[in-house]
PDB file of N, CA and C in Angstrom:
ATOM      1  N   MET A   1      20.005  -4.671   1.494  1.00  0.00           N
ATOM      2  CA  MET A   1      18.873  -3.820   1.864  1.00  0.00           C
ATOM      3  C   MET A   1      20.114  -2.724   2.273  1.00  0.00           C
ATOM      4  N   LEU A   2      20.295  -1.135   1.392  1.00  0.00           N
ATOM      5  CA  LEU A   2      21.172   0.295   1.353  1.00  0.00           C
ATOM      6  C   LEU A   2      20.973   0.552   2.724  1.00  0.00           C
ATOM      7  N   LYS A   3      22.963   0.567   3.001  1.00  0.00           N
ATOM      8  CA  LYS A   3      22.702   1.273   4.439  1.00  0.00           C
ATOM      9  C   LYS A   3      22.854   3.503   4.083  1.00  0.00           C
ATOM     10  N   ARG A   4      22.149   4.282   5.264  1.00  0.00           N
ATOM     11  CA  ARG A   4      22.176   5.285   5.051  1.00  0.00           C
ATOM     12  C   ARG A   4      24.412   5.826   4.748  1.00  0.00           C
ATOM     13  N   GLY A   5      23.699   6.594   3.058  1.00  0.00           N
ATOM     14  CA  GLY A   5      24.997   7.617   2.754  1.00  0.00           C
ATOM     15  C   GLY A   5      25.696   6.321   2.228  1.00  0.00           C
ATOM     16  N   LYS A   6      25.182   5.034   1.742  1.00  0.00           N
ATOM     17  CA  LYS A   6      26.028   4.561   0.538  1.00  0.00           C
ATOM     18  C   LYS A   6      25.513   4.440  -1.098  1.00  0.00           C
ATOM     19  N   LYS A   7      25.900   5.465  -1.737  1.00  0.00           N
ATOM     20  CA  LYS A   7      25.945   4.728  -3.140  1.00  0.00           C
ATOM     21  C   LYS A   7      24.823   4.115  -3.554  1.00  0.00           C
ATOM     22  N   ARG A   8      23.630   4.023  -4.614  1.00  0.00           N
ATOM     23  CA  ARG A   8      24.208   2.692  -4.892  1.00  0.00           C
ATOM     24  C   ARG A   8      25.011   2.458  -6.218  1.00  0.00           C
ATOM     25  N   ASP A   9      24.373   1.401  -6.188  1.00  0.00           N
ATOM     26  CA  ASP A   9      25.687   1.369  -7.843  1.00  0.00           C
ATOM     27  C   ASP A   9      24.868   1.341  -8.649  1.00  0.00           C
ATOM     28  N   ALA A  10      25.458   1.730  -9.534  1.00  0.00           N
ATOM     29  CA  ALA A  10      24.361   2.269 -10.611  1.00  0.00           C
ATOM     30  C   ALA A  10      24.651   1.371 -12.271  1.00  0.00           C
ATOM     31  N   SER A  11      25.538  -0.038 -11.845  1.00  0.00           N
ATOM     32  CA  SER A  11      25.590  -0.900 -12.386  1.00  0.00           C
ATOM     33  C   SER A  11      24.188  -2.317 -12.907  1.00  0.00           C
ATOM     34  N   LYS A  12      23.935  -1.520 -10.811  1.00  0.00           N
ATOM     35  CA  LYS A  12      22.456  -1.948 -10.354  1.00  0.00           C
ATOM     36  C   LYS A  12      21.489  -2.496 -10.934  1.00  0.00           C
ATOM     37  N   ALA A  13      20.224  -3.388 -12.139  1.00  0.00           N
ATOM     38  CA  ALA A  13      18.989  -3.220 -12.185  1.00  0.00           C
ATOM     39  C   ALA A  13      18.401  -2.460 -11.076  1.00  0.00           C
ATOM     40  N   LYS A  14      17.431  -1.929 -11.322  1.00  0.00           N
ATOM     41  CA  LYS A  14      16.618  -1.299 -10.465  1.00  0.00           C
ATOM     42  C   LYS A  14      15.571  -2.774 -10.999  1.00  0.00           C
ATOM     43  N   SER A  15      15.243  -3.298  -9.395  1.00  0.00           N
ATOM     44  CA  SER A  15      14.046  -4.130  -9.405  1.00  0.00           C
ATOM     45  C   SER A  15      12.427  -2.809  -9.560  1.00  0.00           C
ATOM     46  N   GLU A  16      10.967  -3.475  -9.945  1.00  0.00           N
ATOM     47  CA  GLU A  16       9.828  -3.038 -10.141  1.00  0.00           C
ATOM     48  C   GLU A  16       9.533  -2.213  -9.320  1.00  0.00           C
ATOM     49  N   GLY A  17      10.328  -2.947  -7.726  1.00  0.00           N
ATOM     50  CA  GLY A  17      10.124  -2.486  -6.720  1.00  0.00           C
ATOM     51  C   GLY A  17      10.954  -0.744  -6.503  1.00  0.00           C
ATOM     52  N   ASP A  18      11.231   0.092  -6.759  1.00  0.00           N
ATOM     53  CA  ASP A  18      12.969   0.902  -7.114  1.00  0.00           C
ATOM     54  C   ASP A  18      12.125   1.964  -7.474  1.00  0.00           C
ATOM     55  N   GLU A  19      10.983   1.297  -8.355  1.00  0.00           N
ATOM     56  CA  GLU A  19      10.755   2.479  -9.417  1.00  0.00           C
ATOM     57  C   GLU A  19       9.279   3.236  -8.449  1.00  0.00           C
ATOM     58  N   ARG A  20       8.998   4.389  -9.037  1.00  0.00           N
ATOM     59  CA  ARG A  20       8.498   4.926  -8.080  1.00  0.00           C
ATOM     60  C   ARG A  20       6.544   5.798  -8.960  1.00  0.00           C
ATOM     61  N   PRO A  21       5.869   4.885  -8.553  1.00  0.00           N
ATOM     62  CA  PRO A  21       4.441   5.207  -9.517  1.00  0.00           C
ATOM     63  C   PRO A  21       3.824   6.547  -9.825  1.00  0.00           C
ATOM     64  N   LYS A  22       3.457   6.231 -11.082  1.00  0.00           N
ATOM     65  CA  LYS A  22       3.522   8.094 -10.900  1.00  0.00           C
ATOM     66  C   LYS A  22       2.121   8.054 -10.570  1.00  0.00           C
ATOM     67  N   LYS A  23       2.017   9.529 -10.092  1.00  0.00           N
ATOM     68  CA  LYS A  23       0.748  10.242  -9.578  1.00  0.00           C
ATOM     69  C   LYS A  23      -0.168   9.063  -9.925  1.00  0.00           C
ATOM     70  N   ILE A  24      -1.422   8.990  -8.834  1.00  0.00           N
ATOM     71  CA  ILE A  24      -2.139   7.920  -9.537  1.00  0.00           C
ATOM     72  C   ILE A  24      -3.434   8.479 -10.155  1.00  0.00           C
ATOM     73  N   THR A  25      -3.899   8.137 -10.441  1.00  0.00           N
ATOM     74  CA  THR A  25      -5.046   9.318 -11.799  1.00  0.00           C
ATOM     75  C   THR A  25      -6.105   8.074 -11.501  1.00  0.00           C
ATOM     76  N   LEU A  26      -7.242   7.982 -10.615  1.00  0.00           N
ATOM     77  CA  LEU A  26      -8.333   7.131 -10.177  1.00  0.00           C
ATOM     78  C   LEU A  26      -9.033   7.219 -10.282  1.00  0.00           C
ATOM     79  N   ASN A  27      -9.226   8.964 -10.513  1.00  0.00           N
ATOM     80  CA  ASN A  27     -10.506   9.654 -10.139  1.00  0.00           C
ATOM     81  C   ASN A  27     -11.500   9.793 -11.450  1.00  0.00           C
ATOM     82  N   ALA A  28     -10.599   9.489 -12.611  1.00  0.00           N
ATOM     83  CA  ALA A  28     -10.487   9.494 -13.605  1.00  0.00           C
ATOM     84  C   ALA A  28     -12.297   8.588 -13.288  1.00  0.00           C
ATOM     85  N   GLY A  29     -13.904   9.191 -13.694  1.00  0.00           N
ATOM     86  CA  GLY A  29     -14.812   8.005 -13.171  1.00  0.00           C
ATOM     87  C   GLY A  29     -15.272   7.242 -12.595  1.00  0.00           C
ATOM     88  N   ASN A  30     -14.766   7.796 -11.518  1.00  0.00           N
ATOM     89  CA  ASN A  30     -15.472   6.657 -10.057  1.00  0.00           C
ATOM     90  C   ASN A  30     -14.508   5.742 -10.896  1.00  0.00           C
ATOM     91  N   GLU A  31     -13.375   4.858 -11.193  1.00  0.00           N
ATOM     92  CA  GLU A  31     -13.119   4.184 -12.213  1.00  0.00           C
ATOM     93  C   GLU A  31     -13.087   3.227 -10.642  1.00  0.00           C
ATOM     94  N   TRP A  32     -11.581   3.662  -9.944  1.00  0.00           N
ATOM     95  CA  TRP A  32     -10.592   3.046  -8.856  1.00  0.00           C
ATOM     96  C   TRP A  32     -11.304   2.386  -8.020  1.00  0.00           C
ATOM     97  N   GLU A  33     -13.267   3.085  -7.778  1.00  0.00           N
ATOM     98  CA  GLU A  33     -14.164   2.591  -6.988  1.00  0.00           C
ATOM     99  C   GLU A  33     -14.301   0.703  -6.381  1.00  0.00           C
ATOM    100  N   LYS A  34     -14.616   0.438  -7.903  1.00  0.00           N
ATOM    101  CA  LYS A  34     -14.908  -1.546  -8.348  1.00  0.00           C
ATOM    102  C   LYS A  34     -13.216  -2.626  -7.911  1.00  0.00           C
ATOM    103  N   ASN A  35     -11.748  -1.184  -7.450  1.00  0.00           N
ATOM    104  CA  ASN A  35     -11.275  -2.417  -7.188  1.00  0.00           C
ATOM    105  C   ASN A  35     -11.094  -2.002  -5.754  1.00  0.00           C
ATOM    106  N   VAL A  36     -11.741  -1.075  -4.824  1.00  0.00           N
ATOM    107  CA  VAL A  36     -11.823  -1.457  -3.663  1.00  0.00           C
ATOM    108  C   VAL A  36     -11.359  -2.596  -2.464  1.00  0.00           C
ATOM    109  N   ILE A  37     -10.721  -3.019  -1.203  1.00  0.00           N
ATOM    110  CA  ILE A  37     -11.429  -4.395  -0.940  1.00  0.00           C
ATOM    111  C   ILE A  37     -11.435  -3.834   0.292  1.00  0.00           C
ATOM    112  N   CYS A  38     -11.275  -3.494   0.677  1.00  0.00           N
ATOM    113  CA  CYS A  38     -11.871  -2.563   2.069  1.00  0.00           C
ATOM    114  C   CYS A  38     -11.466  -1.701   2.245  1.00  0.00           C
ATOM    115  N   GLU A  39     -11.723  -1.306   3.677  1.00  0.00           N
ATOM    116  CA  GLU A  39     -11.892   0.000   4.752  1.00  0.00           C
ATOM    117  C   GLU A  39     -11.087  -0.214   5.398  1.00  0.00           C
ATOM    118  N   LEU A  40     -10.030   1.023   6.577  1.00  0.00           N
ATOM    119  CA  LEU A  40      -9.699   1.157   6.540  1.00  0.00           C
ATOM    120  C   LEU A  40      -9.636   2.353   8.138  1.00  0.00           C
ATOM    121  N   SER A  41     -10.110   3.126   7.770  1.00  0.00           N
ATOM    122  CA  SER A  41     -11.105   4.184   8.383  1.00  0.00           C
ATOM    123  C   SER A  41     -11.553   4.638   7.577  1.00  0.00           C
ATOM    124  N   LYS A  42     -12.673   5.582   8.137  1.00  0.00           N
ATOM    125  CA  LYS A  42     -13.037   6.256   7.027  1.00  0.00           C
ATOM    126  C   LYS A  42     -12.581   7.259   6.051  1.00  0.00           C
ATOM    127  N   LYS A  43     -11.421   7.765   6.125  1.00  0.00           N
ATOM    128  CA  LYS A  43     -10.549   8.009   4.878  1.00  0.00           C
ATOM    129  C   LYS A  43      -9.206   7.096   4.101  1.00  0.00           C
ATOM    130  N   ARG A  44      -8.861   5.635   5.059  1.00  0.00           N
ATOM    131  CA  ARG A  44      -8.621   5.699   4.453  1.00  0.00           C
ATOM    132  C   ARG A  44      -8.838   3.825   3.790  1.00  0.00           C
ATOM    133  N   LYS A  45      -8.446   3.552   2.654  1.00  0.00           N
ATOM    134  CA  LYS A  45      -9.336   2.187   1.470  1.00  0.00           C
ATOM    135  C   LYS A  45      -7.774   1.631   0.924  1.00  0.00           C
ATOM    136  N   VAL A  46      -8.185   0.055   0.781  1.00  0.00           N
ATOM    137  CA  VAL A  46      -6.897  -1.011   0.845  1.00  0.00           C
ATOM    138  C   VAL A  46      -7.490  -0.962  -0.994  1.00  0.00           C
ATOM    139  N   LEU A  47      -6.648  -0.316  -1.691  1.00  0.00           N
ATOM    140  CA  LEU A  47      -7.338  -0.971  -2.754  1.00  0.00           C
ATOM    141  C   LEU A  47      -6.653  -1.273  -3.356  1.00  0.00           C
ATOM    142  N   VAL A  48      -6.364  -2.651  -4.580  1.00  0.00           N
ATOM    143  CA  VAL A  48      -5.530  -3.212  -5.688  1.00  0.00           C
ATOM    144  C   VAL A  48      -6.410  -2.629  -6.951  1.00  0.00           C
ATOM    145  N   ARG A  49      -5.301  -2.442  -8.104  1.00  0.00           N
ATOM    146  CA  ARG A  49      -5.670  -1.735 -10.019  1.00  0.00           C
ATOM    147  C   ARG A  49      -4.131  -1.834 -10.619  1.00  0.00           C
ATOM    148  N   ASN A  50      -4.037  -2.025 -11.557  1.00  0.00           N
ATOM    149  CA  ASN A  50      -2.845  -2.368 -12.681  1.00  0.00           C
ATOM    150  C   ASN A  50      -2.363  -1.357 -12.846  1.00  0.00           C
ATOM    151  N   TRP A  51      -1.088  -1.344 -12.549  1.00  0.00           N
ATOM    152  CA  TRP A  51       0.319   0.618 -13.322  1.00  0.00           C
ATOM    153  C   TRP A  51       0.686  -0.237 -14.121  1.00  0.00           C
ATOM    154  N   ASP A  52       1.290   0.643 -15.074  1.00  0.00           N
ATOM    155  CA  ASP A  52       1.707  -0.644 -16.363  1.00  0.00           C
ATOM    156  C   ASP A  52       1.880  -1.512 -16.995  1.00  0.00           C
ATOM    157  N   GLY A  53       0.730  -2.346 -16.654  1.00  0.00           N
ATOM    158  CA  GLY A  53       1.445  -3.471 -16.680  1.00  0.00           C
ATOM    159  C   GLY A  53       1.183  -4.561 -15.733  1.00  0.00           C
ATOM    160  N   LYS A  54       1.650  -4.112 -14.550  1.00  0.00           N
ATOM    161  CA  LYS A  54       1.920  -4.012 -12.398  1.00  0.00           C
ATOM    162  C   LYS A  54       0.645  -3.846 -12.207  1.00  0.00           C
ATOM    163  N   ALA A  55       0.777  -5.521 -11.419  1.00  0.00           N
ATOM    164  CA  ALA A  55      -0.618  -5.277  -9.963  1.00  0.00           C
ATOM    165  C   ALA A  55       0.257  -4.048  -8.854  1.00  0.00           C
ATOM    166  N   VAL A  56      -0.369  -3.742  -8.243  1.00  0.00           N
ATOM    167  CA  VAL A  56      -0.349  -2.227  -7.332  1.00  0.00           C
ATOM    168  C   VAL A  56      -0.937  -2.369  -6.127  1.00  0.00           C
ATOM    169  N   MET A  57      -1.104  -2.620  -5.235  1.00  0.00           N
ATOM    170  CA  MET A  57      -1.620  -2.818  -3.409  1.00  0.00           C
ATOM    171  C   MET A  57      -1.898  -1.783  -3.076  1.00  0.00           C
ATOM    172  N   ASP A  58      -2.585  -0.973  -3.049  1.00  0.00           N
ATOM    173  CA  ASP A  58      -3.017   0.922  -2.154  1.00  0.00           C
ATOM    174  C   ASP A  58      -2.863   0.567  -0.439  1.00  0.00           C
ATOM    175  N   ILE A  59      -2.303   1.377  -0.020  1.00  0.00           N
ATOM    176  CA  ILE A  59      -3.486   2.174   1.867  1.00  0.00           C
ATOM    177  C   ILE A  59      -3.440   3.869   0.608  1.00  0.00           C
ATOM    178  N   ARG A  60      -4.677   4.122   0.312  1.00  0.00           N
ATOM    179  CA  ARG A  60      -5.109   5.804   0.217  1.00  0.00           C
ATOM    180  C   ARG A  60      -5.869   5.558   1.074  1.00  0.00           C
ATOM    181  N   GLU A  61      -5.137   7.884   0.879  1.00  0.00           N
ATOM    182  CA  GLU A  61      -6.462   8.417   2.414  1.00  0.00           C
ATOM    183  C   GLU A  61      -7.365   8.575   0.710  1.00  0.00           C
ATOM    184  N   PHE A  62      -8.276   9.421   1.226  1.00  0.00           N
ATOM    185  CA  PHE A  62      -9.469   9.774   0.434  1.00  0.00           C
ATOM    186  C   PHE A  62     -10.323  10.928   1.171  1.00  0.00           C
ATOM    187  N   TYR A  63     -10.736  11.691   0.273  1.00  0.00           N
ATOM    188  CA  TYR A  63     -10.867  12.617   0.677  1.00  0.00           C
ATOM    189  C   TYR A  63     -12.255  12.925  -0.305  1.00  0.00           C
ATOM    190  N   LEU A  64     -13.635  14.141   0.048  1.00  0.00           N
ATOM    191  CA  LEU A  64     -15.198  14.374  -0.049  1.00  0.00           C
ATOM    192  C   LEU A  64     -14.763  15.087  -0.931  1.00  0.00           C
ATOM    193  N   GLU A  65     -14.903  15.338  -2.039  1.00  0.00           N
ATOM    194  CA  GLU A  65     -15.735  16.652  -2.381  1.00  0.00           C
ATOM    195  C   GLU A  65     -16.548  16.522  -3.473  1.00  0.00           C
ATOM    196  N   ASP A  66     -18.137  17.516  -3.400  1.00  0.00           N
ATOM    197  CA  ASP A  66     -19.545  17.061  -3.942  1.00  0.00           C
ATOM    198  C   ASP A  66     -19.963  16.558  -3.474  1.00  0.00           C
ATOM    199  N   GLY A  67     -19.951  15.618  -2.495  1.00  0.00           N
ATOM    200  CA  GLY A  67     -21.326  13.826  -2.204  1.00  0.00           C
ATOM    201  C   GLY A  67     -20.050  12.878  -2.369  1.00  0.00           C
ATOM    202  N   LYS A  68     -18.199  13.731  -3.567  1.00  0.00           N
ATOM    203  CA  LYS A  68     -18.188  11.980  -3.799  1.00  0.00           C
ATOM    204  C   LYS A  68     -16.800  11.320  -2.940  1.00  0.00           C
ATOM    205  N   GLU A  69     -17.112  10.700  -3.350  1.00  0.00           N
ATOM    206  CA  GLU A  69     -14.933  10.220  -3.197  1.00  0.00           C
ATOM    207  C   GLU A  69     -13.750  10.440  -3.668  1.00  0.00           C
ATOM    208  N   TYR A  70     -12.606  10.938  -4.027  1.00  0.00           N
ATOM    209  CA  TYR A  70     -11.652  10.369  -4.279  1.00  0.00           C
ATOM    210  C   TYR A  70     -10.384  10.653  -3.948  1.00  0.00           C
ATOM    211  N   PRO A  71      -9.479   9.792  -3.794  1.00  0.00           N
ATOM    212  CA  PRO A  71      -7.883   9.026  -4.101  1.00  0.00           C
ATOM    213  C   PRO A  71      -6.519  10.022  -3.755  1.00  0.00           C
ATOM    214  N   THR A  72      -6.664  10.627  -2.419  1.00  0.00           N
ATOM    215  CA  THR A  72      -5.070  11.414  -3.140  1.00  0.00           C
ATOM    216  C   THR A  72      -4.201  11.540  -3.494  1.00  0.00           C
ATOM    217  N   GLY A  73      -2.305  11.819  -3.119  1.00  0.00           N
ATOM    218  CA  GLY A  73      -1.535  11.471  -3.295  1.00  0.00           C
ATOM    219  C   GLY A  73      -0.696  11.261  -2.149  1.00  0.00           C
ATOM    220  N   ASN A  74      -1.841  10.872  -1.873  1.00  0.00           N
ATOM    221  CA  ASN A  74      -1.259  10.598   0.165  1.00  0.00           C
ATOM    222  C   ASN A  74      -1.373   8.904   1.144  1.00  0.00           C
ATOM    223  N   GLY A  75      -0.591   8.252   0.929  1.00  0.00           N
ATOM    224  CA  GLY A  75      -0.266   7.280   0.829  1.00  0.00           C
ATOM    225  C   GLY A  75       0.100   5.957   0.214  1.00  0.00           C
ATOM    226  N   LEU A  76       0.425   5.032   0.632  1.00  0.00           N
ATOM    227  CA  LEU A  76       1.173   4.126  -0.851  1.00  0.00           C
ATOM    228  C   LEU A  76       0.754   3.191  -0.994  1.00  0.00           C
ATOM    229  N   SER A  77       2.542   2.309  -2.013  1.00  0.00           N
ATOM    230  CA  SER A  77       1.738   1.726  -3.185  1.00  0.00           C
ATOM    231  C   SER A  77       2.581   0.331  -3.582  1.00  0.00           C
ATOM    232  N   PHE A  78       2.423  -0.826  -2.655  1.00  0.00           N
ATOM    233  CA  PHE A  78       3.665  -1.503  -3.158  1.00  0.00           C
ATOM    234  C   PHE A  78       3.015  -2.994  -4.115  1.00  0.00           C
ATOM    235  N   PHE A  79       4.559  -2.591  -4.978  1.00  0.00           N
ATOM    236  CA  PHE A  79       4.221  -3.642  -6.031  1.00  0.00           C
ATOM    237  C   PHE A  79       3.807  -5.673  -5.403  1.00  0.00           C
ATOM    238  N   MET A  80       3.689  -5.986  -6.288  1.00  0.00           N
ATOM    239  CA  MET A  80       4.286  -7.372  -5.275  1.00  0.00           C
ATOM    240  C   MET A  80       5.475  -7.503  -4.753  1.00  0.00           C
ATOM    241  N   ASP A  81       6.204  -7.786  -5.445  1.00  0.00           N
ATOM    242  CA  ASP A  81       7.686  -8.270  -4.836  1.00  0.00           C
ATOM    243  C   ASP A  81       7.254  -7.747  -2.782  1.00  0.00           C
ATOM    244  N   GLN A  82       6.931  -6.245  -3.176  1.00  0.00           N
ATOM    245  CA  GLN A  82       7.066  -5.658  -1.807  1.00  0.00           C
ATOM    246  C   GLN A  82       5.675  -6.126  -0.829  1.00  0.00           C
ATOM    247  N   TRP A  83       5.032  -6.634  -1.388  1.00  0.00           N
ATOM    248  CA  TRP A  83       3.839  -6.892  -0.983  1.00  0.00           C
ATOM    249  C   TRP A  83       4.197  -8.545   0.160  1.00  0.00           C
ATOM    250  N   LYS A  84       4.638  -8.959  -1.181  1.00  0.00           N
ATOM    251  CA  LYS A  84       4.924 -10.054   0.231  1.00  0.00           C
ATOM    252  C   LYS A  84       5.487 -10.148   0.438  1.00  0.00           C
ATOM    253  N   ILE A  85       6.669  -9.406   0.393  1.00  0.00           N
ATOM    254  CA  ILE A  85       8.182  -9.589   1.368  1.00  0.00           C
ATOM    255  C   ILE A  85       6.847  -8.990   3.134  1.00  0.00           C
ATOM    256  N   LEU A  86       6.030  -8.130   2.658  1.00  0.00           N
ATOM    257  CA  LEU A  86       5.527  -7.440   3.957  1.00  0.00           C
ATOM    258  C   LEU A  86       4.114  -8.695   4.224  1.00  0.00           C
ATOM    259  N   ARG A  87       4.008  -9.756   4.046  1.00  0.00           N
ATOM    260  CA  ARG A  87       2.973 -10.293   3.567  1.00  0.00           C
ATOM    261  C   ARG A  87       3.499 -12.035   4.426  1.00  0.00           C
ATOM    262  N   ASP A  88       4.850 -12.364   4.383  1.00  0.00           N
ATOM    263  CA  ASP A  88       5.406 -12.665   5.043  1.00  0.00           C
ATOM    264  C   ASP A  88       5.579 -12.379   6.510  1.00  0.00           C
ATOM    265  N   HIS A  89       5.582 -10.813   6.925  1.00  0.00           N
ATOM    266  CA  HIS A  89       5.509 -10.064   7.775  1.00  0.00           C
ATOM    267  C   HIS A  89       4.686 -10.211   8.836  1.00  0.00           C
ATOM    268  N   VAL A  90       3.787 -10.626   8.753  1.00  0.00           N
ATOM    269  CA  VAL A  90       2.274  -9.748   9.251  1.00  0.00           C
ATOM    270  C   VAL A  90       2.547 -10.919  10.554  1.00  0.00           C
ATOM    271  N   ASP A  91       2.335 -11.995  10.437  1.00  0.00           N
ATOM    272  CA  ASP A  91       3.897 -12.731  12.197  1.00  0.00           C
ATOM    273  C   ASP A  91       3.958 -11.520  13.782  1.00  0.00           C
ATOM    274  N   GLU A  92       5.216 -11.563  12.986  1.00  0.00           N
ATOM    275  CA  GLU A  92       5.702 -10.940  13.743  1.00  0.00           C
ATOM    276  C   GLU A  92       4.963  -9.367  13.369  1.00  0.00           C
ATOM    277  N   ILE A  93       4.944  -9.449  12.405  1.00  0.00           N
ATOM    278  CA  ILE A  93       4.070  -7.678  12.738  1.00  0.00           C
ATOM    279  C   ILE A  93       3.461  -7.310  14.255  1.00  0.00           C
ATOM    280  N   ASP A  94       2.538  -8.561  13.693  1.00  0.00           N
ATOM    281  CA  ASP A  94       1.031  -8.980  15.065  1.00  0.00           C
ATOM    282  C   ASP A  94       1.643  -8.466  16.369  1.00  0.00           C
ATOM    283  N   LYS A  95       3.314 -10.125  16.270  1.00  0.00           N
ATOM    284  CA  LYS A  95       3.631  -9.901  18.318  1.00  0.00           C
ATOM    285  C   LYS A  95       3.935  -8.410  18.181  1.00  0.00           C
ATOM    286  N   LEU A  96       4.747  -8.119  17.935  1.00  0.00           N
ATOM    287  CA  LEU A  96       5.274  -7.506  17.551  1.00  0.00           C
ATOM    288  C   LEU A  96       3.669  -5.964  18.549  1.00  0.00           C
ATOM    289  N   MET A  97       2.812  -6.241  17.565  1.00  0.00           N
ATOM    290  CA  MET A  97       1.923  -4.510  18.051  1.00  0.00           C
ATOM    291  C   MET A  97       1.318  -4.931  18.783  1.00  0.00           C
ATOM    292  N   MET A  98       1.259  -6.241  19.539  1.00  0.00           N
ATOM    293  CA  MET A  98       0.592  -7.046  20.689  1.00  0.00           C
ATOM    294  C   MET A  98       1.574  -6.568  22.721  1.00  0.00           C
ATOM    295  N   LEU A  99       2.962  -6.563  21.624  1.00  0.00           N
ATOM    296  CA  LEU A  99       3.818  -6.527  22.678  1.00  0.00           C
ATOM    297  C   LEU A  99       3.633  -4.035  23.003  1.00  0.00           C
ATOM    298  N   HIS A 100       3.576  -3.677  21.913  1.00  0.00           N
ATOM    299  CA  HIS A 100       3.825  -2.761  22.340  1.00  0.00           C
ATOM    300  C   HIS A 100       1.469  -2.413  23.010  1.00  0.00           C
ATOM    301  N   GLY A 101       1.543  -2.698  22.528  1.00  0.00           N
ATOM    302  CA  GLY A 101       0.301  -2.282  23.648  1.00  0.00           C
ATOM    303  C   GLY A 101      -1.340  -2.783  23.138  1.00  0.00           C
ATOM    304  N   GLY A 102      -1.099  -3.384  22.123  1.00  0.00           N
ATOM    305  CA  GLY A 102      -2.072  -3.696  21.450  1.00  0.00           C
ATOM    306  C   GLY A 102      -3.068  -4.184  21.703  1.00  0.00           C
ATOM    307  N   ASP A 103      -5.094  -4.160  20.844  1.00  0.00           N
ATOM    308  CA  ASP A 103      -5.210  -5.138  21.750  1.00  0.00           C
ATOM    309  C   ASP A 103      -6.040  -6.552  21.166  1.00  0.00           C
ATOM    310  N   ASN A 104      -5.482  -7.402  22.218  1.00  0.00           N
ATOM    311  CA  ASN A 104      -6.177  -8.659  21.567  1.00  0.00           C
ATOM    312  C   ASN A 104      -7.402  -9.599  20.372  1.00  0.00           C
ATOM    313  N   ASP A 105      -7.840  -8.602  21.466  1.00  0.00           N
ATOM    314  CA  ASP A 105      -8.809  -8.731  20.095  1.00  0.00           C
ATOM    315  C   ASP A 105      -9.174  -7.974  18.241  1.00  0.00           C
ATOM    316  N   GLN A 106      -7.491  -7.683  17.842  1.00  0.00           N
ATOM    317  CA  GLN A 106      -8.215  -6.358  17.007  1.00  0.00           C
ATOM    318  C   GLN A 106      -7.329  -7.983  16.267  1.00  0.00           C
ATOM    319  N   ILE A 107      -6.276  -8.811  16.295  1.00  0.00           N
ATOM    320  CA  ILE A 107      -5.553  -9.966  15.650  1.00  0.00           C
ATOM    321  C   ILE A 107      -6.631  -9.955  14.799  1.00  0.00           C
ATOM    322  N   ILE A 108      -7.003 -10.755  13.206  1.00  0.00           N
ATOM    323  CA  ILE A 108      -7.278 -11.619  12.649  1.00  0.00           C
ATOM    324  C   ILE A 108      -5.642 -12.112  12.813  1.00  0.00           C
ATOM    325  N   GLU A 109      -6.746 -13.455  12.495  1.00  0.00           N
ATOM    326  CA  GLU A 109      -6.156 -15.120  12.104  1.00  0.00           C
ATOM    327  C   GLU A 109      -5.891 -14.782  10.927  1.00  0.00           C
ATOM    328  N   PRO A 110      -4.283 -15.483  10.734  1.00  0.00           N
ATOM    329  CA  PRO A 110      -4.337 -15.660   8.886  1.00  0.00           C
ATOM    330  C   PRO A 110      -5.195 -16.651   8.469  1.00  0.00           C
ATOM    331  N   ARG A 111      -5.506 -17.277   6.819  1.00  0.00           N
ATOM    332  CA  ARG A 111      -6.775 -17.917   6.321  1.00  0.00           C
ATOM    333  C   ARG A 111      -5.955 -18.972   6.296  1.00  0.00           C
TER     334      ARG A 111
END
């Protein structure tokens, strides 16, 4: 892990997680709708899509225009390697959420 102020060695290859996804263009014909996995809130959704041949999981904010929802540039994108790291830490995140005042009824048990 890089420390603050430490420069990256240019000889080290970038992992796919180091690349920044291009601006998301999911609103063309509302193709993104078939990729929505769940709705986190009125304006936030989780979707899985393909970007440059790679699977990407997005947590994205949406806006309403002319009665249709469209994704914004606001959100997070996780490549598969990043998603696996986050997924492997779900139990730890749940424990800390409870420690910091989370509601026990909101815990989602792993499958």
